[in-house]
Amino acid sequence: MHRVLADRLIDLCARHADQMAEQWHRVLVSNLRTKSFAALGSEACQRHAAHMYRNLGQMYLAEDPYQAVAQSLDGTGLAEDCYARGIPAEEMVYALILMRRQIWLHAEREALYVTPEDMNEVVVSINRVTLLFDYATYRTVARYRQMSRMVTSRL
């Protein structure tokens, strides 16, 4: 992949992390599939999302993207926070889908990729970002399961 195109995406996410997180939160709390997130509060939600957007570059360019995603997620405490507030796992997964989708909606609004040559590279970028969020989903569900087992073992 042309590094210039990846750099544009990474830079966009880092520079606009707060704005993207705010837009994501608006979609999140208005979506019927993620209605439990209203209980989490906008500040906490947006903080988690902005962290993911700001760290996209680190995850995107990592030699071991799974490990980079795990470190980023562990740094936010997103899974723990959502689990503690009773947000169902399926809503958490859909929240990550919406978070990923926000990247492409924002890139489109900003006309990040405009030339025909860019369009070929968009496919590579989409695949890489999808992989990162697939790892985030896997890691989040694993954390939910781990926390559930801890609660069950205390009973």
N, C-alpha and C. Protein backbone atom coordinates (compact mmCIF):
# COMPACT_ATOMS: atom_id res chain seq x y z
N MET A 1 0.84 -1.19 0.00
CA MET A 1 0.00 0.00 0.00
C MET A 1 0.87 1.23 0.00
N HIS A 2 0.42 2.23 -0.68
CA HIS A 2 1.13 3.50 -0.65
C HIS A 2 1.00 4.11 0.74
N ARG A 3 2.13 4.34 1.35
CA ARG A 3 2.15 4.87 2.71
C ARG A 3 1.46 6.24 2.79
N VAL A 4 1.52 7.00 1.73
CA VAL A 4 0.92 8.33 1.74
C VAL A 4 -0.58 8.25 2.02
N LEU A 5 -1.25 7.29 1.41
CA LEU A 5 -2.69 7.15 1.62
C LEU A 5 -3.01 6.71 3.04
N ALA A 6 -2.25 5.77 3.54
CA ALA A 6 -2.44 5.34 4.93
C ALA A 6 -2.18 6.50 5.87
N ASP A 7 -1.15 7.26 5.59
CA ASP A 7 -0.84 8.42 6.43
C ASP A 7 -1.97 9.43 6.45
N ARG A 8 -2.63 9.61 5.31
CA ARG A 8 -3.76 10.55 5.26
C ARG A 8 -4.89 10.08 6.17
N LEU A 9 -5.19 8.81 6.14
CA LEU A 9 -6.25 8.25 6.97
C LEU A 9 -5.88 8.35 8.45
N ILE A 10 -4.66 7.97 8.77
CA ILE A 10 -4.19 8.02 10.15
C ILE A 10 -4.19 9.44 10.67
N ASP A 11 -3.70 10.35 9.86
CA ASP A 11 -3.66 11.76 10.25
C ASP A 11 -5.07 12.32 10.43
N LEU A 12 -5.97 11.97 9.55
CA LEU A 12 -7.36 12.42 9.67
C LEU A 12 -7.96 11.98 10.99
N CYS A 13 -7.76 10.71 11.32
CA CYS A 13 -8.33 10.18 12.57
C CYS A 13 -7.71 10.84 13.79
N ALA A 14 -6.42 11.06 13.76
CA ALA A 14 -5.75 11.69 14.90
C ALA A 14 -6.21 13.14 15.07
N ARG A 15 -6.27 13.88 13.97
CA ARG A 15 -6.64 15.30 14.03
C ARG A 15 -8.11 15.51 14.37
N HIS A 16 -8.95 14.59 13.95
CA HIS A 16 -10.40 14.76 14.12
C HIS A 16 -10.99 13.77 15.12
N ALA A 17 -10.17 13.21 15.98
CA ALA A 17 -10.62 12.15 16.90
C ALA A 17 -11.80 12.61 17.76
N ASP A 18 -11.73 13.79 18.32
CA ASP A 18 -12.82 14.25 19.19
C ASP A 18 -14.10 14.47 18.40
N GLN A 19 -13.98 15.06 17.24
CA GLN A 19 -15.16 15.30 16.40
C GLN A 19 -15.77 13.98 15.94
N MET A 20 -14.94 13.04 15.54
CA MET A 20 -15.44 11.73 15.12
C MET A 20 -16.10 11.00 16.28
N ALA A 21 -15.49 11.10 17.45
CA ALA A 21 -16.06 10.45 18.64
C ALA A 21 -17.42 11.05 18.98
N GLU A 22 -17.54 12.34 18.84
CA GLU A 22 -18.82 13.01 19.11
C GLU A 22 -19.89 12.55 18.11
N GLN A 23 -19.51 12.48 16.85
CA GLN A 23 -20.46 12.03 15.82
C GLN A 23 -20.84 10.57 16.06
N TRP A 24 -19.86 9.75 16.41
CA TRP A 24 -20.12 8.35 16.72
C TRP A 24 -21.10 8.23 17.89
N HIS A 25 -20.88 9.04 18.92
CA HIS A 25 -21.75 8.97 20.10
C HIS A 25 -23.19 9.33 19.75
N ARG A 26 -23.38 10.33 18.92
CA ARG A 26 -24.74 10.71 18.50
C ARG A 26 -25.43 9.53 17.81
N VAL A 27 -24.71 8.86 16.94
CA VAL A 27 -25.28 7.70 16.24
C VAL A 27 -25.52 6.56 17.23
N LEU A 28 -24.59 6.36 18.12
CA LEU A 28 -24.64 5.28 19.10
C LEU A 28 -25.89 5.35 19.97
N VAL A 29 -26.16 6.51 20.54
CA VAL A 29 -27.29 6.63 21.47
C VAL A 29 -28.63 6.73 20.76
N SER A 30 -28.61 7.01 19.46
CA SER A 30 -29.88 7.08 18.73
C SER A 30 -30.21 5.77 18.01
N ASN A 31 -29.27 4.83 18.01
CA ASN A 31 -29.48 3.56 17.31
C ASN A 31 -30.18 2.56 18.23
N LEU A 32 -31.21 1.91 17.73
CA LEU A 32 -31.96 0.93 18.53
C LEU A 32 -31.11 -0.27 18.93
N ARG A 33 -30.06 -0.57 18.15
CA ARG A 33 -29.20 -1.72 18.46
C ARG A 33 -28.20 -1.43 19.57
N THR A 34 -28.10 -0.17 19.98
CA THR A 34 -27.12 0.20 21.01
C THR A 34 -27.76 1.11 22.06
N LYS A 35 -29.00 0.86 22.37
CA LYS A 35 -29.75 1.74 23.27
C LYS A 35 -29.20 1.78 24.70
N SER A 36 -28.52 0.73 25.12
CA SER A 36 -27.98 0.69 26.49
C SER A 36 -26.85 1.70 26.71
N PHE A 37 -26.27 2.19 25.64
CA PHE A 37 -25.15 3.13 25.78
C PHE A 37 -25.56 4.48 26.34
N ALA A 38 -26.84 4.77 26.31
CA ALA A 38 -27.30 6.03 26.89
C ALA A 38 -26.94 6.08 28.37
N ALA A 39 -26.87 4.93 29.03
CA ALA A 39 -26.54 4.87 30.46
C ALA A 39 -25.06 5.13 30.73
N LEU A 40 -24.23 4.99 29.72
CA LEU A 40 -22.79 5.16 29.91
C LEU A 40 -22.40 6.63 30.00
N GLY A 41 -23.13 7.49 29.37
CA GLY A 41 -22.80 8.91 29.40
C GLY A 41 -21.91 9.32 28.24
N SER A 42 -22.12 10.50 27.74
CA SER A 42 -21.41 10.93 26.54
C SER A 42 -19.91 11.09 26.76
N GLU A 43 -19.51 11.61 27.92
CA GLU A 43 -18.08 11.85 28.14
C GLU A 43 -17.28 10.55 28.11
N ALA A 44 -17.76 9.54 28.80
CA ALA A 44 -17.05 8.25 28.83
C ALA A 44 -17.01 7.62 27.45
N CYS A 45 -18.15 7.61 26.76
CA CYS A 45 -18.20 7.03 25.42
C CYS A 45 -17.23 7.73 24.48
N GLN A 46 -17.30 9.03 24.47
CA GLN A 46 -16.46 9.80 23.56
C GLN A 46 -14.99 9.65 23.89
N ARG A 47 -14.66 9.55 25.15
CA ARG A 47 -13.26 9.37 25.55
C ARG A 47 -12.72 8.06 24.99
N HIS A 48 -13.51 6.99 25.11
CA HIS A 48 -13.09 5.68 24.59
C HIS A 48 -12.90 5.73 23.08
N ALA A 49 -13.87 6.30 22.38
CA ALA A 49 -13.79 6.34 20.91
C ALA A 49 -12.64 7.22 20.45
N ALA A 50 -12.46 8.38 21.06
CA ALA A 50 -11.37 9.27 20.66
C ALA A 50 -10.02 8.59 20.85
N HIS A 51 -9.90 7.81 21.91
CA HIS A 51 -8.65 7.06 22.14
C HIS A 51 -8.40 6.09 21.00
N MET A 52 -9.43 5.38 20.58
CA MET A 52 -9.27 4.43 19.47
C MET A 52 -8.89 5.16 18.18
N TYR A 53 -9.54 6.28 17.91
CA TYR A 53 -9.23 7.02 16.69
C TYR A 53 -7.82 7.60 16.73
N ARG A 54 -7.42 8.12 17.86
CA ARG A 54 -6.06 8.68 17.98
C ARG A 54 -4.98 7.62 17.84
N ASN A 55 -5.29 6.41 18.25
CA ASN A 55 -4.31 5.32 18.22
C ASN A 55 -4.43 4.45 16.97
N LEU A 56 -5.26 4.85 16.03
CA LEU A 56 -5.41 4.06 14.82
C LEU A 56 -4.07 3.86 14.11
N GLY A 57 -3.27 4.89 14.04
CA GLY A 57 -1.98 4.78 13.35
C GLY A 57 -1.07 3.75 13.97
N GLN A 58 -1.00 3.75 15.28
CA GLN A 58 -0.17 2.78 15.99
C GLN A 58 -0.64 1.36 15.67
N MET A 59 -1.94 1.17 15.67
CA MET A 59 -2.49 -0.16 15.39
C MET A 59 -2.32 -0.53 13.91
N TYR A 60 -2.59 0.43 13.05
CA TYR A 60 -2.56 0.23 11.60
C TYR A 60 -1.18 -0.19 11.11
N LEU A 61 -0.16 0.46 11.65
CA LEU A 61 1.20 0.24 11.17
C LEU A 61 1.99 -0.78 11.99
N ALA A 62 1.37 -1.35 12.99
CA ALA A 62 2.07 -2.28 13.88
C ALA A 62 2.46 -3.56 13.16
N GLU A 63 3.60 -4.10 13.55
CA GLU A 63 4.02 -5.40 13.03
C GLU A 63 3.08 -6.50 13.51
N ASP A 64 2.61 -6.35 14.75
CA ASP A 64 1.66 -7.29 15.32
C ASP A 64 0.38 -6.51 15.65
N PRO A 65 -0.52 -6.38 14.66
CA PRO A 65 -1.71 -5.55 14.87
C PRO A 65 -2.62 -6.05 15.98
N TYR A 66 -2.71 -7.37 16.17
CA TYR A 66 -3.56 -7.88 17.25
C TYR A 66 -3.07 -7.36 18.60
N GLN A 67 -1.78 -7.44 18.81
CA GLN A 67 -1.20 -6.97 20.08
C GLN A 67 -1.40 -5.47 20.24
N ALA A 68 -1.26 -4.72 19.17
CA ALA A 68 -1.45 -3.26 19.23
C ALA A 68 -2.90 -2.92 19.56
N VAL A 69 -3.83 -3.66 18.98
CA VAL A 69 -5.25 -3.45 19.29
C VAL A 69 -5.53 -3.80 20.74
N ALA A 70 -4.99 -4.92 21.20
CA ALA A 70 -5.19 -5.33 22.58
C ALA A 70 -4.67 -4.27 23.55
N GLN A 71 -3.49 -3.73 23.27
CA GLN A 71 -2.92 -2.70 24.14
C GLN A 71 -3.77 -1.44 24.12
N SER A 72 -4.25 -1.07 22.95
CA SER A 72 -5.07 0.14 22.85
C SER A 72 -6.39 -0.04 23.60
N LEU A 73 -7.04 -1.19 23.42
CA LEU A 73 -8.30 -1.45 24.12
C LEU A 73 -8.09 -1.52 25.62
N ASP A 74 -7.03 -2.20 26.04
CA ASP A 74 -6.75 -2.29 27.47
C ASP A 74 -6.49 -0.90 28.04
N GLY A 75 -5.92 -0.03 27.22
CA GLY A 75 -5.64 1.34 27.66
C GLY A 75 -6.90 2.16 27.86
N THR A 76 -7.97 1.82 27.16
CA THR A 76 -9.21 2.59 27.31
C THR A 76 -10.08 2.05 28.43
N GLY A 77 -10.02 0.75 28.68
CA GLY A 77 -10.93 0.14 29.65
C GLY A 77 -12.34 0.08 29.13
N LEU A 78 -12.49 0.16 27.82
CA LEU A 78 -13.82 0.19 27.21
C LEU A 78 -14.65 -1.05 27.57
N ALA A 79 -14.09 -2.21 27.39
CA ALA A 79 -14.85 -3.44 27.68
C ALA A 79 -15.23 -3.49 29.15
N GLU A 80 -14.30 -3.18 30.02
CA GLU A 80 -14.57 -3.22 31.45
C GLU A 80 -15.65 -2.22 31.85
N ASP A 81 -15.55 -1.02 31.30
CA ASP A 81 -16.52 0.03 31.61
C ASP A 81 -17.92 -0.38 31.15
N CYS A 82 -18.00 -0.88 29.93
CA CYS A 82 -19.31 -1.27 29.39
C CYS A 82 -19.88 -2.48 30.13
N TYR A 83 -19.03 -3.44 30.43
CA TYR A 83 -19.48 -4.63 31.15
C TYR A 83 -20.01 -4.24 32.54
N ALA A 84 -19.26 -3.39 33.22
CA ALA A 84 -19.65 -2.96 34.57
C ALA A 84 -20.99 -2.22 34.57
N ARG A 85 -21.32 -1.58 33.47
CA ARG A 85 -22.58 -0.84 33.38
C ARG A 85 -23.70 -1.67 32.77
N GLY A 86 -23.43 -2.94 32.54
CA GLY A 86 -24.48 -3.84 32.08
C GLY A 86 -24.81 -3.74 30.60
N ILE A 87 -23.91 -3.20 29.81
CA ILE A 87 -24.17 -3.12 28.37
C ILE A 87 -23.97 -4.51 27.77
N PRO A 88 -24.98 -5.04 27.10
CA PRO A 88 -24.88 -6.38 26.53
C PRO A 88 -23.74 -6.48 25.50
N ALA A 89 -23.17 -7.66 25.42
CA ALA A 89 -22.04 -7.89 24.50
C ALA A 89 -22.41 -7.57 23.06
N GLU A 90 -23.62 -7.93 22.65
CA GLU A 90 -24.01 -7.67 21.26
C GLU A 90 -24.09 -6.17 20.96
N GLU A 91 -24.47 -5.37 21.96
CA GLU A 91 -24.48 -3.92 21.76
C GLU A 91 -23.05 -3.39 21.70
N MET A 92 -22.17 -3.96 22.50
CA MET A 92 -20.77 -3.54 22.48
C MET A 92 -20.15 -3.84 21.11
N VAL A 93 -20.45 -5.00 20.57
CA VAL A 93 -19.94 -5.36 19.24
C VAL A 93 -20.48 -4.40 18.20
N TYR A 94 -21.76 -4.09 18.27
CA TYR A 94 -22.33 -3.17 17.28
C TYR A 94 -21.76 -1.76 17.45
N ALA A 95 -21.45 -1.38 18.66
CA ALA A 95 -20.82 -0.07 18.90
C ALA A 95 -19.47 -0.01 18.20
N LEU A 96 -18.72 -1.10 18.22
CA LEU A 96 -17.43 -1.13 17.51
C LEU A 96 -17.64 -1.07 16.00
N ILE A 97 -18.68 -1.71 15.51
CA ILE A 97 -19.00 -1.63 14.08
C ILE A 97 -19.29 -0.19 13.70
N LEU A 98 -20.09 0.49 14.52
CA LEU A 98 -20.40 1.89 14.25
C LEU A 98 -19.16 2.78 14.35
N MET A 99 -18.26 2.45 15.27
CA MET A 99 -17.02 3.21 15.42
C MET A 99 -16.16 3.07 14.16
N ARG A 100 -16.06 1.86 13.66
CA ARG A 100 -15.30 1.62 12.42
C ARG A 100 -15.95 2.37 11.26
N ARG A 101 -17.25 2.29 11.19
CA ARG A 101 -17.98 2.94 10.09
C ARG A 101 -17.77 4.45 10.09
N GLN A 102 -17.65 5.01 11.28
CA GLN A 102 -17.46 6.47 11.40
C GLN A 102 -16.17 6.90 10.72
N ILE A 103 -15.15 6.06 10.73
CA ILE A 103 -13.89 6.39 10.06
C ILE A 103 -14.14 6.65 8.58
N TRP A 104 -14.88 5.76 7.95
CA TRP A 104 -15.10 5.90 6.50
C TRP A 104 -16.07 7.02 6.18
N LEU A 105 -17.05 7.23 7.02
CA LEU A 105 -17.97 8.35 6.80
C LEU A 105 -17.22 9.68 6.90
N HIS A 106 -16.33 9.77 7.87
CA HIS A 106 -15.57 11.01 8.05
C HIS A 106 -14.58 11.20 6.90
N ALA A 107 -13.93 10.13 6.49
CA ALA A 107 -12.99 10.21 5.36
C ALA A 107 -13.72 10.65 4.09
N GLU A 108 -14.93 10.15 3.91
CA GLU A 108 -15.71 10.55 2.74
C GLU A 108 -16.10 12.03 2.81
N ARG A 109 -16.54 12.48 3.98
CA ARG A 109 -16.92 13.89 4.15
C ARG A 109 -15.74 14.82 3.90
N GLU A 110 -14.57 14.37 4.28
CA GLU A 110 -13.36 15.19 4.12
C GLU A 110 -12.71 15.01 2.75
N ALA A 111 -13.34 14.21 1.89
CA ALA A 111 -12.80 13.93 0.56
C ALA A 111 -11.35 13.48 0.63
N LEU A 112 -11.09 12.55 1.52
CA LEU A 112 -9.73 12.07 1.76
C LEU A 112 -9.17 11.35 0.54
N TYR A 113 -9.99 10.56 -0.11
CA TYR A 113 -9.56 9.81 -1.28
C TYR A 113 -10.37 10.32 -2.47
N VAL A 114 -9.72 10.99 -3.40
CA VAL A 114 -10.48 11.63 -4.47
C VAL A 114 -10.08 11.22 -5.87
N THR A 115 -8.86 10.80 -6.08
CA THR A 115 -8.43 10.45 -7.43
C THR A 115 -8.74 8.98 -7.72
N PRO A 116 -8.84 8.63 -9.00
CA PRO A 116 -9.06 7.22 -9.34
C PRO A 116 -7.96 6.31 -8.78
N GLU A 117 -6.73 6.80 -8.74
CA GLU A 117 -5.63 6.01 -8.20
C GLU A 117 -5.84 5.76 -6.70
N ASP A 118 -6.38 6.76 -6.02
CA ASP A 118 -6.66 6.60 -4.59
C ASP A 118 -7.66 5.48 -4.33
N MET A 119 -8.63 5.34 -5.21
CA MET A 119 -9.70 4.39 -5.00
C MET A 119 -9.19 2.95 -4.89
N ASN A 120 -8.17 2.60 -5.67
CA ASN A 120 -7.58 1.27 -5.53
C ASN A 120 -7.01 1.07 -4.14
N GLU A 121 -6.38 2.09 -3.61
CA GLU A 121 -5.75 1.99 -2.30
C GLU A 121 -6.77 2.03 -1.17
N VAL A 122 -7.94 2.56 -1.43
CA VAL A 122 -8.99 2.60 -0.42
C VAL A 122 -9.35 1.17 0.00
N VAL A 123 -9.38 0.27 -0.95
CA VAL A 123 -9.72 -1.12 -0.65
C VAL A 123 -8.72 -1.69 0.35
N VAL A 124 -7.45 -1.41 0.17
CA VAL A 124 -6.43 -1.89 1.09
C VAL A 124 -6.65 -1.28 2.46
N SER A 125 -6.93 0.01 2.51
CA SER A 125 -7.16 0.69 3.78
C SER A 125 -8.39 0.12 4.50
N ILE A 126 -9.45 -0.08 3.74
CA ILE A 126 -10.67 -0.63 4.34
C ILE A 126 -10.39 -2.01 4.93
N ASN A 127 -9.66 -2.82 4.19
CA ASN A 127 -9.35 -4.17 4.69
C ASN A 127 -8.51 -4.12 5.96
N ARG A 128 -7.55 -3.23 6.03
CA ARG A 128 -6.69 -3.14 7.21
C ARG A 128 -7.48 -2.63 8.42
N VAL A 129 -8.27 -1.60 8.23
CA VAL A 129 -9.08 -1.06 9.33
C VAL A 129 -10.11 -2.10 9.78
N THR A 130 -10.69 -2.82 8.84
CA THR A 130 -11.64 -3.87 9.20
C THR A 130 -10.95 -4.94 10.04
N LEU A 131 -9.76 -5.31 9.66
CA LEU A 131 -9.00 -6.29 10.45
C LEU A 131 -8.77 -5.78 11.87
N LEU A 132 -8.39 -4.52 12.02
CA LEU A 132 -8.16 -3.96 13.34
C LEU A 132 -9.42 -4.01 14.19
N PHE A 133 -10.55 -3.65 13.62
CA PHE A 133 -11.79 -3.66 14.37
C PHE A 133 -12.31 -5.09 14.59
N ASP A 134 -11.98 -6.01 13.70
CA ASP A 134 -12.29 -7.42 13.97
C ASP A 134 -11.53 -7.89 15.20
N TYR A 135 -10.26 -7.51 15.28
CA TYR A 135 -9.47 -7.85 16.46
C TYR A 135 -10.04 -7.19 17.72
N ALA A 136 -10.48 -5.94 17.57
CA ALA A 136 -11.07 -5.24 18.72
C ALA A 136 -12.34 -5.95 19.18
N THR A 137 -13.13 -6.40 18.25
CA THR A 137 -14.35 -7.12 18.58
C THR A 137 -14.03 -8.43 19.30
N TYR A 138 -13.11 -9.17 18.76
CA TYR A 138 -12.70 -10.43 19.38
C TYR A 138 -12.18 -10.18 20.79
N ARG A 139 -11.33 -9.20 20.94
CA ARG A 139 -10.74 -8.89 22.24
C ARG A 139 -11.81 -8.45 23.24
N THR A 140 -12.75 -7.65 22.80
CA THR A 140 -13.81 -7.17 23.67
C THR A 140 -14.70 -8.31 24.14
N VAL A 141 -15.09 -9.19 23.24
CA VAL A 141 -15.92 -10.32 23.62
C VAL A 141 -15.15 -11.24 24.58
N ALA A 142 -13.87 -11.43 24.33
CA ALA A 142 -13.06 -12.24 25.23
C ALA A 142 -12.99 -11.62 26.63
N ARG A 143 -12.87 -10.31 26.70
CA ARG A 143 -12.84 -9.62 28.00
C ARG A 143 -14.19 -9.75 28.71
N TYR A 144 -15.27 -9.62 27.96
CA TYR A 144 -16.60 -9.81 28.55
C TYR A 144 -16.71 -11.21 29.15
N ARG A 145 -16.29 -12.21 28.41
CA ARG A 145 -16.36 -13.58 28.89
C ARG A 145 -15.50 -13.75 30.13
N GLN A 146 -14.32 -13.18 30.12
CA GLN A 146 -13.41 -13.28 31.27
C GLN A 146 -14.03 -12.62 32.50
N MET A 147 -14.63 -11.44 32.33
CA MET A 147 -15.26 -10.75 33.46
C MET A 147 -16.47 -11.52 33.95
N SER A 148 -17.21 -12.13 33.03
CA SER A 148 -18.37 -12.92 33.42
C SER A 148 -17.94 -14.14 34.25
N ARG A 149 -16.87 -14.76 33.85
CA ARG A 149 -16.37 -15.91 34.60
C ARG A 149 -15.92 -15.50 36.01
N MET A 150 -15.31 -14.32 36.12
CA MET A 150 -14.88 -13.84 37.43
C MET A 150 -16.06 -13.62 38.35
N VAL A 151 -17.13 -13.07 37.80
CA VAL A 151 -18.35 -12.83 38.59
C VAL A 151 -18.97 -14.17 38.99
N THR A 152 -19.05 -15.09 38.05
CA THR A 152 -19.64 -16.40 38.31
C THR A 152 -18.83 -17.16 39.35
N SER A 153 -17.53 -17.08 39.32
CA SER A 153 -16.70 -17.82 40.26
C SER A 153 -16.81 -17.25 41.69
N ARG A 154 -17.20 -16.01 41.82
CA ARG A 154 -17.39 -15.40 43.15
C ARG A 154 -18.70 -15.82 43.79
N LEU A 155 -19.63 -16.30 42.96
CA LEU A 155 -20.96 -16.66 43.49
C LEU A 155 -20.97 -17.98 44.16
